[in-house]
């Protein structure tokens, strides 16, 4: 394995541990990743000559995790109102442009970037706030560990045993064997760290294995989705923040699908008690 990938991976793990253990380090890391992820997304889109509003999108995207963390809500359905206001803001900016070609494409792509990167990723903040103190931190640690272990499992098993391409038109290097292996690793890790979940009667080892496999599968889908975006923009990596791994989006791509689903599931499970 690439030595730089190991060094970058170790650095990412170290930052994640500090972020999980300390709430201020946590929100600072979330904000930094959100800014970095949005910058990379908009940079890739600019390569396609789409007239986007990158700095406005980054500013709007940064407000989402901050408002959640500090529990700022103007209304009960604050998030929906926020998205509507964000769209109207971008629309007003478009009115001031002299060239309105590809206006719809620029508006929709900017808003998509905010939703895809910032809103999806902000569910980590929601997950941490589901339970007080370290209980919420362990929920965050659980879904990150389950999802990212699936990434590692897919890479290792796919590299060693992969023979059949999964979706060569989207990601030529991903294989069916690697994907199934990653899902199995996610299920195994979920069972090993079952104690990090709330003490609910339905969380038997077998059920948690199914839960781990499901969220591991969503993580693989998130990885494929970012590969589709990169392929459309004709880039190999979203950025170069971590040598051997890539950019911010390359690190969090699998979490963008698994974390929102995990939050919704755990939130529903807790409210049924």
C-alpha atoms as a PDB file:
ATOM      1  CA  UNK A   1       0.000   0.000   0.000  1.00  0.00           C
ATOM      2  CA  UNK A   2       1.139   3.547  -0.729  1.00  0.00           C
ATOM      3  CA  UNK A   3       3.121   4.838   2.321  1.00  0.00           C
ATOM      4  CA  UNK A   4       1.641   8.307   1.829  1.00  0.00           C
ATOM      5  CA  UNK A   5      -1.834   6.812   2.053  1.00  0.00           C
ATOM      6  CA  UNK A   6      -0.930   5.297   5.435  1.00  0.00           C
ATOM      7  CA  UNK A   7       0.459   8.597   6.748  1.00  0.00           C
ATOM      8  CA  UNK A   8      -2.551  10.542   5.489  1.00  0.00           C
ATOM      9  CA  UNK A   9      -4.906   7.931   6.914  1.00  0.00           C
ATOM     10  CA  UNK A  10      -3.213   8.105  10.320  1.00  0.00           C
ATOM     11  CA  UNK A  11      -3.519  11.898  10.304  1.00  0.00           C
ATOM     12  CA  UNK A  12      -7.212  11.672   9.404  1.00  0.00           C
ATOM     13  CA  UNK A  13      -7.791   9.188  12.254  1.00  0.00           C
ATOM     14  CA  UNK A  14      -5.996  11.445  14.730  1.00  0.00           C
ATOM     15  CA  UNK A  15      -8.100  14.472  13.769  1.00  0.00           C
ATOM     16  CA  UNK A  16     -11.278  12.373  13.946  1.00  0.00           C
ATOM     17  CA  UNK A  17     -10.478  11.118  17.457  1.00  0.00           C
ATOM     18  CA  UNK A  18      -9.885  14.649  18.765  1.00  0.00           C
ATOM     19  CA  UNK A  19     -13.075  15.852  17.059  1.00  0.00           C
ATOM     20  CA  UNK A  20     -15.178  13.071  18.563  1.00  0.00           C
ATOM     21  CA  UNK A  21     -13.833  13.597  22.083  1.00  0.00           C
ATOM     22  CA  UNK A  22     -14.142  17.385  22.244  1.00  0.00           C
ATOM     23  CA  UNK A  23     -17.267  19.223  21.122  1.00  0.00           C
ATOM     24  CA  UNK A  24     -15.464  22.455  20.168  1.00  0.00           C
ATOM     25  CA  UNK A  25     -12.875  20.547  18.182  1.00  0.00           C
ATOM     26  CA  UNK A  26     -15.808  18.668  16.687  1.00  0.00           C
ATOM     27  CA  UNK A  27     -17.674  21.708  15.357  1.00  0.00           C
ATOM     28  CA  UNK A  28     -14.418  23.331  14.208  1.00  0.00           C
ATOM     29  CA  UNK A  29     -13.557  20.176  12.255  1.00  0.00           C
ATOM     30  CA  UNK A  30     -17.070  19.945  10.810  1.00  0.00           C
ATOM     31  CA  UNK A  31     -16.881  23.566   9.645  1.00  0.00           C
ATOM     32  CA  UNK A  32     -13.403  23.105   8.181  1.00  0.00           C
ATOM     33  CA  UNK A  33     -14.446  19.970   6.294  1.00  0.00           C
ATOM     34  CA  UNK A  34     -17.624  21.672   5.071  1.00  0.00           C
ATOM     35  CA  UNK A  35     -15.665  24.621   3.694  1.00  0.00           C
ATOM     36  CA  UNK A  36     -13.061  22.349   2.125  1.00  0.00           C
ATOM     37  CA  UNK A  37     -15.649  19.993   0.643  1.00  0.00           C
ATOM     38  CA  UNK A  38     -17.701  22.809  -0.874  1.00  0.00           C
ATOM     39  CA  UNK A  39     -14.588  24.485  -2.273  1.00  0.00           C
ATOM     40  CA  UNK A  40     -13.538  21.240  -3.963  1.00  0.00           C
ATOM     41  CA  UNK A  41     -17.038  20.613  -5.302  1.00  0.00           C
ATOM     42  CA  UNK A  42     -17.352  24.090  -6.782  1.00  0.00           C
ATOM     43  CA  UNK A  43     -13.801  23.942  -8.152  1.00  0.00           C
ATOM     44  CA  UNK A  44     -14.652  20.735 -10.020  1.00  0.00           C
ATOM     45  CA  UNK A  45     -17.864  22.264 -11.360  1.00  0.00           C
ATOM     46  CA  UNK A  46     -16.002  25.335 -12.608  1.00  0.00           C
ATOM     47  CA  UNK A  47     -14.010  23.041 -14.888  1.00  0.00           C
ATOM     48  CA  UNK A  48     -17.260  22.468 -16.772  1.00  0.00           C
ATOM     49  CA  UNK A  49     -17.714  26.243 -17.297  1.00  0.00           C
ATOM     50  CA  UNK A  50     -20.922  26.312 -15.262  1.00  0.00           C
ATOM     51  CA  UNK A  51     -21.647  29.810 -13.818  1.00  0.00           C
ATOM     52  CA  UNK A  52     -21.886  28.925 -10.124  1.00  0.00           C
ATOM     53  CA  UNK A  53     -21.804  31.053  -6.969  1.00  0.00           C
ATOM     54  CA  UNK A  54     -19.013  29.316  -5.111  1.00  0.00           C
ATOM     55  CA  UNK A  55     -18.305  31.785  -2.291  1.00  0.00           C
ATOM     56  CA  UNK A  56     -21.992  32.400  -1.644  1.00  0.00           C
ATOM     57  CA  UNK A  57     -22.522  28.633  -1.627  1.00  0.00           C
ATOM     58  CA  UNK A  58     -19.665  28.123   0.845  1.00  0.00           C
ATOM     59  CA  UNK A  59     -21.033  30.835   3.151  1.00  0.00           C
ATOM     60  CA  UNK A  60     -24.543  29.373   3.065  1.00  0.00           C
ATOM     61  CA  UNK A  61     -23.165  25.862   3.544  1.00  0.00           C
ATOM     62  CA  UNK A  62     -21.169  26.943   6.599  1.00  0.00           C
ATOM     63  CA  UNK A  63     -24.271  28.360   8.274  1.00  0.00           C
ATOM     64  CA  UNK A  64     -26.022  24.968   8.227  1.00  0.00           C
ATOM     65  CA  UNK A  65     -23.820  23.029  10.705  1.00  0.00           C
ATOM     66  CA  UNK A  66     -23.323  26.137  12.846  1.00  0.00           C
ATOM     67  CA  UNK A  67     -27.065  26.761  13.184  1.00  0.00           C
ATOM     68  CA  UNK A  68     -27.614  23.113  14.126  1.00  0.00           C
ATOM     69  CA  UNK A  69     -24.778  23.022  16.663  1.00  0.00           C
ATOM     70  CA  UNK A  70     -25.879  26.233  18.390  1.00  0.00           C
ATOM     71  CA  UNK A  71     -29.547  25.172  18.125  1.00  0.00           C
ATOM     72  CA  UNK A  72     -30.540  28.292  16.221  1.00  0.00           C
ATOM     73  CA  UNK A  73     -34.088  28.000  14.889  1.00  0.00           C
ATOM     74  CA  UNK A  74     -36.315  30.825  13.698  1.00  0.00           C
ATOM     75  CA  UNK A  75     -39.190  28.452  13.084  1.00  0.00           C
ATOM     76  CA  UNK A  76     -40.056  24.819  13.707  1.00  0.00           C
ATOM     77  CA  UNK A  77     -39.181  23.940  10.103  1.00  0.00           C
ATOM     78  CA  UNK A  78     -36.096  26.152  10.070  1.00  0.00           C
ATOM     79  CA  UNK A  79     -34.098  23.981   7.661  1.00  0.00           C
ATOM     80  CA  UNK A  80     -36.749  24.150   4.936  1.00  0.00           C
ATOM     81  CA  UNK A  81     -37.027  27.923   5.355  1.00  0.00           C
ATOM     82  CA  UNK A  82     -33.233  28.196   5.235  1.00  0.00           C
ATOM     83  CA  UNK A  83     -33.046  26.259   1.956  1.00  0.00           C
ATOM     84  CA  UNK A  84     -35.756  28.471   0.425  1.00  0.00           C
ATOM     85  CA  UNK A  85     -33.908  31.618   1.548  1.00  0.00           C
ATOM     86  CA  UNK A  86     -30.648  30.247   0.151  1.00  0.00           C
ATOM     87  CA  UNK A  87     -32.287  29.629  -3.213  1.00  0.00           C
ATOM     88  CA  UNK A  88     -33.782  33.135  -3.286  1.00  0.00           C
ATOM     89  CA  UNK A  89     -30.383  34.627  -2.417  1.00  0.00           C
ATOM     90  CA  UNK A  90     -28.687  32.810  -5.286  1.00  0.00           C
ATOM     91  CA  UNK A  91     -31.564  33.783  -7.590  1.00  0.00           C
ATOM     92  CA  UNK A  92     -31.154  37.479  -6.704  1.00  0.00           C
ATOM     93  CA  UNK A  93     -27.448  37.246  -7.459  1.00  0.00           C
ATOM     94  CA  UNK A  94     -28.290  35.821 -10.866  1.00  0.00           C
ATOM     95  CA  UNK A  95     -30.426  38.880 -11.625  1.00  0.00           C
ATOM     96  CA  UNK A  96     -27.306  41.043 -11.379  1.00  0.00           C
ATOM     97  CA  UNK A  97     -25.350  39.012 -13.930  1.00  0.00           C
ATOM     98  CA  UNK A  98     -25.038  40.382 -17.422  1.00  0.00           C
ATOM     99  CA  UNK A  99     -24.810  36.923 -18.972  1.00  0.00           C
ATOM    100  CA  UNK A 100     -27.804  34.717 -18.153  1.00  0.00           C
ATOM    101  CA  UNK A 101     -26.764  31.758 -20.250  1.00  0.00           C
ATOM    102  CA  UNK A 102     -26.894  28.494 -18.269  1.00  0.00           C
ATOM    103  CA  UNK A 103     -28.607  30.379 -15.412  1.00  0.00           C
ATOM    104  CA  UNK A 104     -30.784  27.411 -14.416  1.00  0.00           C
ATOM    105  CA  UNK A 105     -27.781  25.088 -14.487  1.00  0.00           C
ATOM    106  CA  UNK A 106     -25.745  27.447 -12.315  1.00  0.00           C
ATOM    107  CA  UNK A 107     -28.534  27.961  -9.784  1.00  0.00           C
ATOM    108  CA  UNK A 108     -29.367  24.286  -9.451  1.00  0.00           C
ATOM    109  CA  UNK A 109     -25.721  23.193  -9.273  1.00  0.00           C
ATOM    110  CA  UNK A 110     -24.889  25.713  -6.554  1.00  0.00           C
ATOM    111  CA  UNK A 111     -27.870  24.640  -4.465  1.00  0.00           C
ATOM    112  CA  UNK A 112     -27.080  20.972  -5.103  1.00  0.00           C
ATOM    113  CA  UNK A 113     -23.543  21.488  -3.799  1.00  0.00           C
ATOM    114  CA  UNK A 114     -24.859  23.049  -0.592  1.00  0.00           C
ATOM    115  CA  UNK A 115     -27.321  20.208  -0.034  1.00  0.00           C
ATOM    116  CA  UNK A 116     -24.976  17.399  -1.080  1.00  0.00           C
ATOM    117  CA  UNK A 117     -21.930  18.489   0.910  1.00  0.00           C
ATOM    118  CA  UNK A 118     -23.089  20.734   3.737  1.00  0.00           C
ATOM    119  CA  UNK A 119     -26.591  19.539   4.565  1.00  0.00           C
ATOM    120  CA  UNK A 120     -25.823  15.820   4.293  1.00  0.00           C
ATOM    121  CA  UNK A 121     -22.609  16.175   6.290  1.00  0.00           C
ATOM    122  CA  UNK A 122     -24.317  18.318   8.957  1.00  0.00           C
ATOM    123  CA  UNK A 123     -26.246  15.217  10.056  1.00  0.00           C
ATOM    124  CA  UNK A 124     -23.091  14.321  11.993  1.00  0.00           C
ATOM    125  CA  UNK A 125     -23.863  17.329  14.193  1.00  0.00           C
ATOM    126  CA  UNK A 126     -27.484  16.207  14.540  1.00  0.00           C
ATOM    127  CA  UNK A 127     -26.283  12.718  15.471  1.00  0.00           C
ATOM    128  CA  UNK A 128     -23.986  14.039  18.187  1.00  0.00           C
ATOM    129  CA  UNK A 129     -26.813  16.078  19.697  1.00  0.00           C
ATOM    130  CA  UNK A 130     -29.214  13.116  19.803  1.00  0.00           C
ATOM    131  CA  UNK A 131     -27.796  11.996  23.164  1.00  0.00           C
ATOM    132  CA  UNK A 132     -25.956  13.998  25.843  1.00  0.00           C
ATOM    133  CA  UNK A 133     -22.216  13.995  26.388  1.00  0.00           C
ATOM    134  CA  UNK A 134     -20.194  10.959  25.417  1.00  0.00           C
ATOM    135  CA  UNK A 135     -23.271   8.985  24.415  1.00  0.00           C
ATOM    136  CA  UNK A 136     -23.758  11.299  21.438  1.00  0.00           C
ATOM    137  CA  UNK A 137     -20.028  11.218  20.709  1.00  0.00           C
ATOM    138  CA  UNK A 138     -20.098   7.407  20.636  1.00  0.00           C
ATOM    139  CA  UNK A 139     -22.950   7.482  18.113  1.00  0.00           C
ATOM    140  CA  UNK A 140     -20.807   9.667  15.846  1.00  0.00           C
ATOM    141  CA  UNK A 141     -17.812   7.390  16.375  1.00  0.00           C
ATOM    142  CA  UNK A 142     -19.922   4.306  15.604  1.00  0.00           C
ATOM    143  CA  UNK A 143     -21.238   5.460  12.220  1.00  0.00           C
ATOM    144  CA  UNK A 144     -17.860   6.849  11.159  1.00  0.00           C
ATOM    145  CA  UNK A 145     -16.123   3.614  12.134  1.00  0.00           C
ATOM    146  CA  UNK A 146     -18.710   1.388  10.441  1.00  0.00           C
ATOM    147  CA  UNK A 147     -18.682   3.439   7.232  1.00  0.00           C
ATOM    148  CA  UNK A 148     -14.954   4.026   6.898  1.00  0.00           C
ATOM    149  CA  UNK A 149     -14.043   0.456   7.852  1.00  0.00           C
ATOM    150  CA  UNK A 150     -16.234  -0.555   4.917  1.00  0.00           C
ATOM    151  CA  UNK A 151     -14.180   1.766   2.682  1.00  0.00           C
ATOM    152  CA  UNK A 152     -10.960   0.170   3.865  1.00  0.00           C
ATOM    153  CA  UNK A 153     -12.372  -3.332   3.567  1.00  0.00           C
ATOM    154  CA  UNK A 154     -13.562  -2.662   0.025  1.00  0.00           C
ATOM    155  CA  UNK A 155     -10.128  -1.311  -0.945  1.00  0.00           C
ATOM    156  CA  UNK A 156      -8.130  -4.164   0.594  1.00  0.00           C
ATOM    157  CA  UNK A 157     -10.429  -7.008  -0.509  1.00  0.00           C
ATOM    158  CA  UNK A 158     -11.010  -5.463  -3.920  1.00  0.00           C
ATOM    159  CA  UNK A 159      -7.278  -5.039  -4.513  1.00  0.00           C
ATOM    160  CA  UNK A 160      -6.541  -8.619  -3.444  1.00  0.00           C
ATOM    161  CA  UNK A 161      -9.534 -10.560  -4.744  1.00  0.00           C
ATOM    162  CA  UNK A 162     -11.387  -8.235  -7.081  1.00  0.00           C
ATOM    163  CA  UNK A 163     -12.082  -9.794 -10.477  1.00  0.00           C
ATOM    164  CA  UNK A 164     -15.469  -8.503 -11.610  1.00  0.00           C
ATOM    165  CA  UNK A 165     -15.977  -4.758 -12.202  1.00  0.00           C
ATOM    166  CA  UNK A 166     -18.930  -3.230 -10.381  1.00  0.00           C
ATOM    167  CA  UNK A 167     -19.726  -0.158 -12.490  1.00  0.00           C
ATOM    168  CA  UNK A 168     -16.795   0.397 -14.866  1.00  0.00           C
ATOM    169  CA  UNK A 169     -18.432   3.421 -16.500  1.00  0.00           C
ATOM    170  CA  UNK A 170     -18.600   5.155 -13.113  1.00  0.00           C
ATOM    171  CA  UNK A 171     -15.548   3.822 -11.277  1.00  0.00           C
ATOM    172  CA  UNK A 172     -13.282   1.425 -13.219  1.00  0.00           C
ATOM    173  CA  UNK A 173     -11.355   0.259 -10.144  1.00  0.00           C
ATOM    174  CA  UNK A 174     -14.310  -0.821  -8.010  1.00  0.00           C
ATOM    175  CA  UNK A 175     -15.221  -4.490  -8.056  1.00  0.00           C
ATOM    176  CA  UNK A 176     -18.153  -6.594  -6.913  1.00  0.00           C
ATOM    177  CA  UNK A 177     -15.852  -8.563  -4.604  1.00  0.00           C
ATOM    178  CA  UNK A 178     -14.520  -5.380  -3.028  1.00  0.00           C
ATOM    179  CA  UNK A 179     -17.984  -3.942  -2.495  1.00  0.00           C
ATOM    180  CA  UNK A 180     -19.321  -7.108  -0.876  1.00  0.00           C
ATOM    181  CA  UNK A 181     -16.176  -7.370   1.218  1.00  0.00           C
ATOM    182  CA  UNK A 182     -16.588  -3.784   2.408  1.00  0.00           C
ATOM    183  CA  UNK A 183     -20.197  -4.431   3.418  1.00  0.00           C
ATOM    184  CA  UNK A 184     -19.140  -7.554   5.336  1.00  0.00           C
ATOM    185  CA  UNK A 185     -16.415  -5.607   7.174  1.00  0.00           C
ATOM    186  CA  UNK A 186     -18.951  -2.899   8.093  1.00  0.00           C
ATOM    187  CA  UNK A 187     -21.279  -5.561   9.520  1.00  0.00           C
ATOM    188  CA  UNK A 188     -18.439  -7.122  11.525  1.00  0.00           C
ATOM    189  CA  UNK A 189     -17.263  -3.783  12.928  1.00  0.00           C
ATOM    190  CA  UNK A 190     -20.840  -2.863  13.863  1.00  0.00           C
ATOM    191  CA  UNK A 191     -21.145  -6.032  15.966  1.00  0.00           C
ATOM    192  CA  UNK A 192     -17.744  -5.456  17.601  1.00  0.00           C
ATOM    193  CA  UNK A 193     -18.727  -1.933  18.654  1.00  0.00           C
ATOM    194  CA  UNK A 194     -22.376  -2.675  19.436  1.00  0.00           C
ATOM    195  CA  UNK A 195     -21.924  -1.295  22.953  1.00  0.00           C
ATOM    196  CA  UNK A 196     -21.561   2.200  21.481  1.00  0.00           C
ATOM    197  CA  UNK A 197     -25.195   2.111  20.422  1.00  0.00           C
ATOM    198  CA  UNK A 198     -28.068   2.952  22.792  1.00  0.00           C
ATOM    199  CA  UNK A 199     -29.126   0.027  24.996  1.00  0.00           C
ATOM    200  CA  UNK A 200     -32.268  -0.821  23.044  1.00  0.00           C
ATOM    201  CA  UNK A 201     -33.744  -4.357  23.055  1.00  0.00           C
ATOM    202  CA  UNK A 202     -33.759  -4.662  19.261  1.00  0.00           C
ATOM    203  CA  UNK A 203     -29.988  -4.218  19.000  1.00  0.00           C
ATOM    204  CA  UNK A 204     -29.106  -7.911  19.149  1.00  0.00           C
ATOM    205  CA  UNK A 205     -25.788  -8.956  17.543  1.00  0.00           C
ATOM    206  CA  UNK A 206     -27.533 -10.330  14.441  1.00  0.00           C
ATOM    207  CA  UNK A 207     -29.694  -7.239  14.006  1.00  0.00           C
ATOM    208  CA  UNK A 208     -26.718  -4.910  14.488  1.00  0.00           C
ATOM    209  CA  UNK A 209     -24.835  -6.895  11.833  1.00  0.00           C
ATOM    210  CA  UNK A 210     -27.706  -6.206   9.424  1.00  0.00           C
ATOM    211  CA  UNK A 211     -27.669  -2.544  10.442  1.00  0.00           C
ATOM    212  CA  UNK A 212     -23.915  -2.363   9.849  1.00  0.00           C
ATOM    213  CA  UNK A 213     -24.243  -4.012   6.449  1.00  0.00           C
ATOM    214  CA  UNK A 214     -26.996  -1.576   5.463  1.00  0.00           C
ATOM    215  CA  UNK A 215     -25.055   1.541   6.414  1.00  0.00           C
ATOM    216  CA  UNK A 216     -21.879   0.081   4.947  1.00  0.00           C
ATOM    217  CA  UNK A 217     -23.779  -0.394   1.691  1.00  0.00           C
ATOM    218  CA  UNK A 218     -24.960   3.217   1.801  1.00  0.00           C
ATOM    219  CA  UNK A 219     -21.351   4.234   2.307  1.00  0.00           C
ATOM    220  CA  UNK A 220     -20.351   2.347  -0.839  1.00  0.00           C
ATOM    221  CA  UNK A 221     -23.172   4.111  -2.697  1.00  0.00           C
ATOM    222  CA  UNK A 222     -21.894   7.467  -1.467  1.00  0.00           C
ATOM    223  CA  UNK A 223     -18.427   6.592  -2.736  1.00  0.00           C
ATOM    224  CA  UNK A 224     -19.836   5.704  -6.148  1.00  0.00           C
ATOM    225  CA  UNK A 225     -21.834   8.931  -6.271  1.00  0.00           C
ATOM    226  CA  UNK A 226     -18.727  11.042  -5.784  1.00  0.00           C
ATOM    227  CA  UNK A 227     -16.940   8.948  -8.403  1.00  0.00           C
ATOM    228  CA  UNK A 228     -19.750   9.806 -10.816  1.00  0.00           C
ATOM    229  CA  UNK A 229     -19.295  13.522 -10.116  1.00  0.00           C
ATOM    230  CA  UNK A 230     -15.521  13.304 -10.544  1.00  0.00           C
ATOM    231  CA  UNK A 231     -15.867  11.352 -13.760  1.00  0.00           C
ATOM    232  CA  UNK A 232     -18.289  13.927 -15.128  1.00  0.00           C
ATOM    233  CA  UNK A 233     -15.821  16.699 -14.226  1.00  0.00           C
ATOM    234  CA  UNK A 234     -12.915  14.642 -15.622  1.00  0.00           C
ATOM    235  CA  UNK A 235     -10.806  14.652 -12.429  1.00  0.00           C
ATOM    236  CA  UNK A 236      -9.179  11.760 -10.583  1.00  0.00           C
ATOM    237  CA  UNK A 237      -9.342  13.209  -7.063  1.00  0.00           C
ATOM    238  CA  UNK A 238     -11.513  15.993  -5.675  1.00  0.00           C
ATOM    239  CA  UNK A 239      -8.403  17.651  -4.227  1.00  0.00           C
ATOM    240  CA  UNK A 240      -4.917  17.051  -2.852  1.00  0.00           C
ATOM    241  CA  UNK A 241      -5.288  17.772   0.860  1.00  0.00           C
ATOM    242  CA  UNK A 242      -4.107  14.291   1.905  1.00  0.00           C
ATOM    243  CA  UNK A 243      -1.485  12.728  -0.383  1.00  0.00           C
ATOM    244  CA  UNK A 244      -2.363   9.166  -1.354  1.00  0.00           C
ATOM    245  CA  UNK A 245      -6.036   9.658  -0.481  1.00  0.00           C
ATOM    246  CA  UNK A 246      -7.114  12.831  -2.231  1.00  0.00           C
ATOM    247  CA  UNK A 247      -9.224  15.745  -1.109  1.00  0.00           C
ATOM    248  CA  UNK A 248     -11.879  16.408   1.484  1.00  0.00           C
ATOM    249  CA  UNK A 249     -14.694  14.946  -0.621  1.00  0.00           C
ATOM    250  CA  UNK A 250     -12.664  11.803  -1.192  1.00  0.00           C
ATOM    251  CA  UNK A 251     -12.563  11.355   2.586  1.00  0.00           C
ATOM    252  CA  UNK A 252     -16.191  12.079   3.446  1.00  0.00           C
ATOM    253  CA  UNK A 253     -17.976  10.829   0.295  1.00  0.00           C
ATOM    254  CA  UNK A 254     -19.148   7.582   1.898  1.00  0.00           C
ATOM    255  CA  UNK A 255     -20.405   9.415   5.002  1.00  0.00           C
ATOM    256  CA  UNK A 256     -22.653  11.736   3.016  1.00  0.00           C
ATOM    257  CA  UNK A 257     -25.197   8.962   2.502  1.00  0.00           C
ATOM    258  CA  UNK A 258     -24.730   6.777   5.573  1.00  0.00           C
ATOM    259  CA  UNK A 259     -24.824   9.506   8.230  1.00  0.00           C
ATOM    260  CA  UNK A 260     -28.226  11.063   7.365  1.00  0.00           C
ATOM    261  CA  UNK A 261     -29.815   7.607   7.194  1.00  0.00           C
ATOM    262  CA  UNK A 262     -28.185   6.620  10.504  1.00  0.00           C
ATOM    263  CA  UNK A 263     -29.465   9.767  12.209  1.00  0.00           C
ATOM    264  CA  UNK A 264     -33.008   9.211  10.965  1.00  0.00           C
ATOM    265  CA  UNK A 265     -32.945   5.568  12.058  1.00  0.00           C
ATOM    266  CA  UNK A 266     -31.487   6.159  15.546  1.00  0.00           C
ATOM    267  CA  UNK A 267     -33.735   9.163  16.100  1.00  0.00           C
ATOM    268  CA  UNK A 268     -36.772   7.058  15.218  1.00  0.00           C
ATOM    269  CA  UNK A 269     -35.585   4.187  17.445  1.00  0.00           C
ATOM    270  CA  UNK A 270     -35.062   6.503  20.428  1.00  0.00           C
ATOM    271  CA  UNK A 271     -38.468   8.112  20.032  1.00  0.00           C
ATOM    272  CA  UNK A 272     -40.197   4.741  20.141  1.00  0.00           C
ATOM    273  CA  UNK A 273     -38.963   4.043  23.672  1.00  0.00           C
END
